[in-house]
């Protein structure tokens, strides 16, 4: 089973939208997901700080700035 993580930041409107999309899709598919605050971790901030929201699948970067729903669904189906 896959696991999705949204790398997010407080006060980021795009992050709020991405979290809502991931929540809806993952809940529908029964895929576990979580949110990590990019500013709470030095390594996350260095890697993703200028591209939030970032979507990870099983710890690997899948996309950033917005959720591409069909692409995410295809990736989670594999």
PDB file of N, CA and C in Angstrom:
ATOM      1  N   UNK A   1       0.847  -1.180   0.000  1.00  0.00           N
ATOM      2  CA  UNK A   1       0.000   0.000   0.000  1.00  0.00           C
ATOM      3  C   UNK A   1       0.887   1.237   0.000  1.00  0.00           C
ATOM      4  N   UNK A   2       0.508   2.208  -0.777  1.00  0.00           N
ATOM      5  CA  UNK A   2       1.240   3.468  -0.849  1.00  0.00           C
ATOM      6  C   UNK A   2       0.904   4.350   0.343  1.00  0.00           C
ATOM      7  N   UNK A   3       1.762   5.350   0.553  1.00  0.00           N
ATOM      8  CA  UNK A   3       1.500   6.381   1.554  1.00  0.00           C
ATOM      9  C   UNK A   3       1.853   7.734   0.944  1.00  0.00           C
ATOM     10  N   UNK A   4       0.969   8.699   1.120  1.00  0.00           N
ATOM     11  CA  UNK A   4       1.139  10.036   0.549  1.00  0.00           C
ATOM     12  C   UNK A   4       1.449  11.020   1.670  1.00  0.00           C
ATOM     13  N   UNK A   5       2.403  11.908   1.402  1.00  0.00           N
ATOM     14  CA  UNK A   5       2.731  12.990   2.331  1.00  0.00           C
ATOM     15  C   UNK A   5       2.645  14.311   1.581  1.00  0.00           C
ATOM     16  N   UNK A   6       2.013  15.283   2.202  1.00  0.00           N
ATOM     17  CA  UNK A   6       1.983  16.641   1.662  1.00  0.00           C
ATOM     18  C   UNK A   6       2.950  17.466   2.501  1.00  0.00           C
ATOM     19  N   UNK A   7       3.968  18.029   1.853  1.00  0.00           N
ATOM     20  CA  UNK A   7       4.890  18.945   2.517  1.00  0.00           C
ATOM     21  C   UNK A   7       4.253  20.326   2.389  1.00  0.00           C
ATOM     22  N   UNK A   8       3.974  20.944   3.519  1.00  0.00           N
ATOM     23  CA  UNK A   8       3.146  22.138   3.566  1.00  0.00           C
ATOM     24  C   UNK A   8       3.812  23.233   4.390  1.00  0.00           C
ATOM     25  N   UNK A   9       3.170  24.382   4.411  1.00  0.00           N
ATOM     26  CA  UNK A   9       3.650  25.517   5.204  1.00  0.00           C
ATOM     27  C   UNK A   9       2.442  26.276   5.742  1.00  0.00           C
ATOM     28  N   UNK A  10       2.533  26.716   6.965  1.00  0.00           N
ATOM     29  CA  UNK A  10       1.482  27.536   7.584  1.00  0.00           C
ATOM     30  C   UNK A  10       1.271  28.800   6.752  1.00  0.00           C
ATOM     31  N   UNK A  11       0.004  29.133   6.511  1.00  0.00           N
ATOM     32  CA  UNK A  11      -0.311  30.359   5.785  1.00  0.00           C
ATOM     33  C   UNK A  11      -0.219  30.239   4.268  1.00  0.00           C
ATOM     34  N   UNK A  12      -0.072  29.032   3.757  1.00  0.00           N
ATOM     35  CA  UNK A  12       0.066  28.790   2.312  1.00  0.00           C
ATOM     36  C   UNK A  12      -1.284  28.361   1.742  1.00  0.00           C
ATOM     37  N   UNK A  13      -1.903  29.239   0.962  1.00  0.00           N
ATOM     38  CA  UNK A  13      -3.223  28.936   0.395  1.00  0.00           C
ATOM     39  C   UNK A  13      -3.164  27.737  -0.545  1.00  0.00           C
ATOM     40  N   UNK A  14      -2.114  27.632  -1.348  1.00  0.00           N
ATOM     41  CA  UNK A  14      -1.962  26.484  -2.252  1.00  0.00           C
ATOM     42  C   UNK A  14      -1.839  25.189  -1.466  1.00  0.00           C
ATOM     43  N   UNK A  15      -1.205  25.266  -0.301  1.00  0.00           N
ATOM     44  CA  UNK A  15      -1.062  24.086   0.553  1.00  0.00           C
ATOM     45  C   UNK A  15      -2.419  23.620   1.061  1.00  0.00           C
ATOM     46  N   UNK A  16      -3.266  24.563   1.453  1.00  0.00           N
ATOM     47  CA  UNK A  16      -4.611  24.229   1.918  1.00  0.00           C
ATOM     48  C   UNK A  16      -5.376  23.498   0.813  1.00  0.00           C
ATOM     49  N   UNK A  17      -5.272  23.997  -0.410  1.00  0.00           N
ATOM     50  CA  UNK A  17      -5.948  23.363  -1.545  1.00  0.00           C
ATOM     51  C   UNK A  17      -5.398  21.963  -1.798  1.00  0.00           C
ATOM     52  N   UNK A  18      -4.072  21.823  -1.767  1.00  0.00           N
ATOM     53  CA  UNK A  18      -3.444  20.524  -2.013  1.00  0.00           C
ATOM     54  C   UNK A  18      -3.836  19.511  -0.941  1.00  0.00           C
ATOM     55  N   UNK A  19      -3.853  19.947   0.307  1.00  0.00           N
ATOM     56  CA  UNK A  19      -4.243  19.047   1.401  1.00  0.00           C
ATOM     57  C   UNK A  19      -5.687  18.582   1.211  1.00  0.00           C
ATOM     58  N   UNK A  20      -6.578  19.488   0.825  1.00  0.00           N
ATOM     59  CA  UNK A  20      -7.979  19.111   0.594  1.00  0.00           C
ATOM     60  C   UNK A  20      -8.090  18.090  -0.532  1.00  0.00           C
ATOM     61  N   UNK A  21      -7.335  18.303  -1.607  1.00  0.00           N
ATOM     62  CA  UNK A  21      -7.366  17.363  -2.731  1.00  0.00           C
ATOM     63  C   UNK A  21      -6.810  16.002  -2.328  1.00  0.00           C
ATOM     64  N   UNK A  22      -5.674  15.989  -1.646  1.00  0.00           N
ATOM     65  CA  UNK A  22      -5.066  14.732  -1.213  1.00  0.00           C
ATOM     66  C   UNK A  22      -5.993  14.016  -0.235  1.00  0.00           C
ATOM     67  N   UNK A  23      -6.566  14.748   0.686  1.00  0.00           N
ATOM     68  CA  UNK A  23      -7.502  14.147   1.653  1.00  0.00           C
ATOM     69  C   UNK A  23      -8.645  13.449   0.916  1.00  0.00           C
ATOM     70  N   UNK A  24      -9.262  14.144  -0.003  1.00  0.00           N
ATOM     71  CA  UNK A  24     -10.407  13.609  -0.747  1.00  0.00           C
ATOM     72  C   UNK A  24     -10.015  12.359  -1.536  1.00  0.00           C
ATOM     73  N   UNK A  25      -8.922  12.438  -2.287  1.00  0.00           N
ATOM     74  CA  UNK A  25      -8.498  11.327  -3.141  1.00  0.00           C
ATOM     75  C   UNK A  25      -8.043  10.130  -2.303  1.00  0.00           C
ATOM     76  N   UNK A  26      -7.200  10.379  -1.331  1.00  0.00           N
ATOM     77  CA  UNK A  26      -6.677   9.283  -0.513  1.00  0.00           C
ATOM     78  C   UNK A  26      -7.767   8.639   0.329  1.00  0.00           C
ATOM     79  N   UNK A  27      -8.661   9.427   0.891  1.00  0.00           N
ATOM     80  CA  UNK A  27      -9.757   8.861   1.667  1.00  0.00           C
ATOM     81  C   UNK A  27     -10.641   7.987   0.781  1.00  0.00           C
ATOM     82  N   UNK A  28     -10.888   8.453  -0.435  1.00  0.00           N
ATOM     83  CA  UNK A  28     -11.700   7.680  -1.381  1.00  0.00           C
ATOM     84  C   UNK A  28     -11.034   6.349  -1.728  1.00  0.00           C
ATOM     85  N   UNK A  29      -9.704   6.368  -1.906  1.00  0.00           N
ATOM     86  CA  UNK A  29      -8.970   5.167  -2.306  1.00  0.00           C
ATOM     87  C   UNK A  29      -8.490   4.330  -1.123  1.00  0.00           C
ATOM     88  N   UNK A  30      -8.660   4.836   0.082  1.00  0.00           N
ATOM     89  CA  UNK A  30      -8.199   4.104   1.258  1.00  0.00           C
ATOM     90  C   UNK A  30      -6.687   4.126   1.427  1.00  0.00           C
ATOM     91  N   UNK A  31      -6.057   5.186   0.947  1.00  0.00           N
ATOM     92  CA  UNK A  31      -4.598   5.331   1.019  1.00  0.00           C
ATOM     93  C   UNK A  31      -4.244   6.224   2.209  1.00  0.00           C
ATOM     94  N   UNK A  32      -3.338   5.773   3.074  1.00  0.00           N
ATOM     95  CA  UNK A  32      -2.939   6.624   4.195  1.00  0.00           C
ATOM     96  C   UNK A  32      -2.181   7.860   3.701  1.00  0.00           C
ATOM     97  N   UNK A  33      -2.378   8.958   4.410  1.00  0.00           N
ATOM     98  CA  UNK A  33      -1.699  10.202   4.034  1.00  0.00           C
ATOM     99  C   UNK A  33      -1.428  11.017   5.289  1.00  0.00           C
ATOM    100  N   UNK A  34      -0.501  11.963   5.134  1.00  0.00           N
ATOM    101  CA  UNK A  34      -0.148  12.834   6.256  1.00  0.00           C
ATOM    102  C   UNK A  34       0.347  14.168   5.720  1.00  0.00           C
ATOM    103  N   UNK A  35       0.525  15.109   6.637  1.00  0.00           N
ATOM    104  CA  UNK A  35       1.043  16.436   6.305  1.00  0.00           C
ATOM    105  C   UNK A  35       2.283  16.672   7.145  1.00  0.00           C
ATOM    106  N   UNK A  36       3.336  17.212   6.518  1.00  0.00           N
ATOM    107  CA  UNK A  36       4.552  17.601   7.234  1.00  0.00           C
ATOM    108  C   UNK A  36       4.802  19.079   7.007  1.00  0.00           C
ATOM    109  N   UNK A  37       5.123  19.800   8.070  1.00  0.00           N
ATOM    110  CA  UNK A  37       5.419  21.236   7.999  1.00  0.00           C
ATOM    111  C   UNK A  37       6.861  21.432   7.548  1.00  0.00           C
ATOM    112  N   UNK A  38       7.021  22.038   6.393  1.00  0.00           N
ATOM    113  CA  UNK A  38       8.351  22.241   5.816  1.00  0.00           C
ATOM    114  C   UNK A  38       9.244  23.091   6.723  1.00  0.00           C
ATOM    115  N   UNK A  39       8.648  23.995   7.482  1.00  0.00           N
ATOM    116  CA  UNK A  39       9.433  24.897   8.318  1.00  0.00           C
ATOM    117  C   UNK A  39       9.801  24.296   9.673  1.00  0.00           C
ATOM    118  N   UNK A  40       9.288  23.106   9.966  1.00  0.00           N
ATOM    119  CA  UNK A  40       9.586  22.453  11.246  1.00  0.00           C
ATOM    120  C   UNK A  40      10.803  21.542  11.151  1.00  0.00           C
ATOM    121  N   UNK A  41      11.357  21.390   9.955  1.00  0.00           N
ATOM    122  CA  UNK A  41      12.467  20.468   9.744  1.00  0.00           C
ATOM    123  C   UNK A  41      13.480  21.117   8.802  1.00  0.00           C
ATOM    124  N   UNK A  42      14.693  21.263   9.263  1.00  0.00           N
ATOM    125  CA  UNK A  42      15.739  21.933   8.478  1.00  0.00           C
ATOM    126  C   UNK A  42      15.971  21.234   7.137  1.00  0.00           C
ATOM    127  N   UNK A  43      15.988  19.912   7.139  1.00  0.00           N
ATOM    128  CA  UNK A  43      16.221  19.171   5.897  1.00  0.00           C
ATOM    129  C   UNK A  43      15.063  19.336   4.915  1.00  0.00           C
ATOM    130  N   UNK A  44      13.834  19.277   5.419  1.00  0.00           N
ATOM    131  CA  UNK A  44      12.684  19.502   4.540  1.00  0.00           C
ATOM    132  C   UNK A  44      12.713  20.907   3.953  1.00  0.00           C
ATOM    133  N   UNK A  45      13.014  21.892   4.790  1.00  0.00           N
ATOM    134  CA  UNK A  45      13.057  23.282   4.312  1.00  0.00           C
ATOM    135  C   UNK A  45      14.123  23.458   3.239  1.00  0.00           C
ATOM    136  N   UNK A  46      15.282  22.840   3.424  1.00  0.00           N
ATOM    137  CA  UNK A  46      16.355  22.955   2.437  1.00  0.00           C
ATOM    138  C   UNK A  46      15.962  22.306   1.109  1.00  0.00           C
ATOM    139  N   UNK A  47      15.269  21.181   1.187  1.00  0.00           N
ATOM    140  CA  UNK A  47      14.901  20.436  -0.022  1.00  0.00           C
ATOM    141  C   UNK A  47      13.669  21.004  -0.727  1.00  0.00           C
ATOM    142  N   UNK A  48      12.645  21.363   0.041  1.00  0.00           N
ATOM    143  CA  UNK A  48      11.346  21.693  -0.551  1.00  0.00           C
ATOM    144  C   UNK A  48      10.839  23.097  -0.255  1.00  0.00           C
ATOM    145  N   UNK A  49      11.573  23.883   0.514  1.00  0.00           N
ATOM    146  CA  UNK A  49      11.075  25.153   1.028  1.00  0.00           C
ATOM    147  C   UNK A  49      10.552  26.135   0.008  1.00  0.00           C
ATOM    148  N   UNK A  50      11.096  26.118  -1.209  1.00  0.00           N
ATOM    149  CA  UNK A  50      10.654  27.081  -2.217  1.00  0.00           C
ATOM    150  C   UNK A  50       9.633  26.499  -3.181  1.00  0.00           C
ATOM    151  N   UNK A  51       9.153  25.262  -2.919  1.00  0.00           N
ATOM    152  CA  UNK A  51       8.237  24.620  -3.859  1.00  0.00           C
ATOM    153  C   UNK A  51       6.960  24.104  -3.218  1.00  0.00           C
ATOM    154  N   UNK A  52       6.645  24.475  -2.002  1.00  0.00           N
ATOM    155  CA  UNK A  52       5.454  23.938  -1.350  1.00  0.00           C
ATOM    156  C   UNK A  52       4.184  24.403  -2.040  1.00  0.00           C
ATOM    157  N   UNK A  53       3.154  23.587  -2.034  1.00  0.00           N
ATOM    158  CA  UNK A  53       3.102  22.248  -1.486  1.00  0.00           C
ATOM    159  C   UNK A  53       3.826  21.236  -2.384  1.00  0.00           C
ATOM    160  N   UNK A  54       4.405  20.235  -1.757  1.00  0.00           N
ATOM    161  CA  UNK A  54       5.058  19.137  -2.462  1.00  0.00           C
ATOM    162  C   UNK A  54       4.338  17.849  -2.070  1.00  0.00           C
ATOM    163  N   UNK A  55       4.059  17.021  -3.066  1.00  0.00           N
ATOM    164  CA  UNK A  55       3.382  15.747  -2.828  1.00  0.00           C
ATOM    165  C   UNK A  55       4.422  14.636  -2.950  1.00  0.00           C
ATOM    166  N   UNK A  56       4.528  13.822  -1.901  1.00  0.00           N
ATOM    167  CA  UNK A  56       5.415  12.664  -1.906  1.00  0.00           C
ATOM    168  C   UNK A  56       4.562  11.398  -1.904  1.00  0.00           C
ATOM    169  N   UNK A  57       5.001  10.415  -2.666  1.00  0.00           N
ATOM    170  CA  UNK A  57       4.397   9.085  -2.601  1.00  0.00           C
ATOM    171  C   UNK A  57       5.493   8.137  -2.150  1.00  0.00           C
ATOM    172  N   UNK A  58       5.268   7.493  -1.033  1.00  0.00           N
ATOM    173  CA  UNK A  58       6.260   6.574  -0.457  1.00  0.00           C
ATOM    174  C   UNK A  58       7.618   7.244  -0.292  1.00  0.00           C
ATOM    175  N   UNK A  59       7.608   8.528   0.066  1.00  0.00           N
ATOM    176  CA  UNK A  59       8.828   9.274   0.325  1.00  0.00           C
ATOM    177  C   UNK A  59       9.505   9.852  -0.898  1.00  0.00           C
ATOM    178  N   UNK A  60       8.997   9.551  -2.105  1.00  0.00           N
ATOM    179  CA  UNK A  60       9.584  10.074  -3.348  1.00  0.00           C
ATOM    180  C   UNK A  60       8.716  11.209  -3.886  1.00  0.00           C
ATOM    181  N   UNK A  61       9.366  12.237  -4.380  1.00  0.00           N
ATOM    182  CA  UNK A  61       8.626  13.393  -4.893  1.00  0.00           C
ATOM    183  C   UNK A  61       7.769  13.004  -6.094  1.00  0.00           C
ATOM    184  N   UNK A  62       6.508  13.347  -6.012  1.00  0.00           N
ATOM    185  CA  UNK A  62       5.565  13.078  -7.097  1.00  0.00           C
ATOM    186  C   UNK A  62       5.224  14.358  -7.862  1.00  0.00           C
ATOM    187  N   UNK A  63       5.135  15.476  -7.148  1.00  0.00           N
ATOM    188  CA  UNK A  63       4.800  16.734  -7.799  1.00  0.00           C
ATOM    189  C   UNK A  63       4.818  17.868  -6.801  1.00  0.00           C
ATOM    190  N   UNK A  64       4.646  19.087  -7.307  1.00  0.00           N
ATOM    191  CA  UNK A  64       4.639  20.255  -6.431  1.00  0.00           C
ATOM    192  C   UNK A  64       3.741  21.332  -6.996  1.00  0.00           C
ATOM    193  N   UNK A  65       3.380  22.272  -6.122  1.00  0.00           N
ATOM    194  CA  UNK A  65       2.531  23.442  -6.363  1.00  0.00           C
ATOM    195  C   UNK A  65       1.054  23.131  -6.509  1.00  0.00           C
ATOM    196  N   UNK A  66       0.679  21.996  -7.095  1.00  0.00           N
ATOM    197  CA  UNK A  66      -0.733  21.641  -7.179  1.00  0.00           C
ATOM    198  C   UNK A  66      -0.853  20.129  -7.352  1.00  0.00           C
ATOM    199  N   UNK A  67      -2.022  19.608  -7.030  1.00  0.00           N
ATOM    200  CA  UNK A  67      -2.286  18.182  -7.196  1.00  0.00           C
ATOM    201  C   UNK A  67      -2.847  17.968  -8.599  1.00  0.00           C
ATOM    202  N   UNK A  68      -2.184  17.110  -9.350  1.00  0.00           N
ATOM    203  CA  UNK A  68      -2.700  16.690 -10.651  1.00  0.00           C
ATOM    204  C   UNK A  68      -3.477  15.404 -10.389  1.00  0.00           C
ATOM    205  N   UNK A  69      -4.791  15.541 -10.266  1.00  0.00           N
ATOM    206  CA  UNK A  69      -5.616  14.445  -9.748  1.00  0.00           C
ATOM    207  C   UNK A  69      -5.471  13.149 -10.537  1.00  0.00           C
ATOM    208  N   UNK A  70      -5.609  13.181 -11.837  1.00  0.00           N
ATOM    209  CA  UNK A  70      -5.534  11.941 -12.612  1.00  0.00           C
ATOM    210  C   UNK A  70      -4.154  11.290 -12.498  1.00  0.00           C
ATOM    211  N   UNK A  71      -3.118  12.100 -12.499  1.00  0.00           N
ATOM    212  CA  UNK A  71      -1.756  11.581 -12.357  1.00  0.00           C
ATOM    213  C   UNK A  71      -1.552  10.935 -10.977  1.00  0.00           C
ATOM    214  N   UNK A  72      -2.068  11.579  -9.929  1.00  0.00           N
ATOM    215  CA  UNK A  72      -1.964  11.030  -8.589  1.00  0.00           C
ATOM    216  C   UNK A  72      -2.743   9.720  -8.489  1.00  0.00           C
ATOM    217  N   UNK A  73      -3.930   9.690  -9.046  1.00  0.00           N
ATOM    218  CA  UNK A  73      -4.734   8.464  -9.013  1.00  0.00           C
ATOM    219  C   UNK A  73      -4.019   7.315  -9.726  1.00  0.00           C
ATOM    220  N   UNK A  74      -3.430   7.603 -10.875  1.00  0.00           N
ATOM    221  CA  UNK A  74      -2.688   6.555 -11.614  1.00  0.00           C
ATOM    222  C   UNK A  74      -1.523   6.029 -10.788  1.00  0.00           C
ATOM    223  N   UNK A  75      -0.786   6.945 -10.155  1.00  0.00           N
ATOM    224  CA  UNK A  75       0.371   6.536  -9.356  1.00  0.00           C
ATOM    225  C   UNK A  75      -0.054   5.678  -8.163  1.00  0.00           C
ATOM    226  N   UNK A  76      -1.185   5.995  -7.565  1.00  0.00           N
ATOM    227  CA  UNK A  76      -1.641   5.245  -6.404  1.00  0.00           C
ATOM    228  C   UNK A  76      -2.265   3.913  -6.791  1.00  0.00           C
ATOM    229  N   UNK A  77      -2.646   3.758  -8.061  1.00  0.00           N
ATOM    230  CA  UNK A  77      -3.232   2.503  -8.524  1.00  0.00           C
ATOM    231  C   UNK A  77      -2.168   1.436  -8.769  1.00  0.00           C
ATOM    232  N   UNK A  78      -0.920   1.862  -8.898  1.00  0.00           N
ATOM    233  CA  UNK A  78       0.174   0.906  -9.179  1.00  0.00           C
ATOM    234  C   UNK A  78       0.703   0.282  -7.913  1.00  0.00           C
TER     235      UNK A  78
END
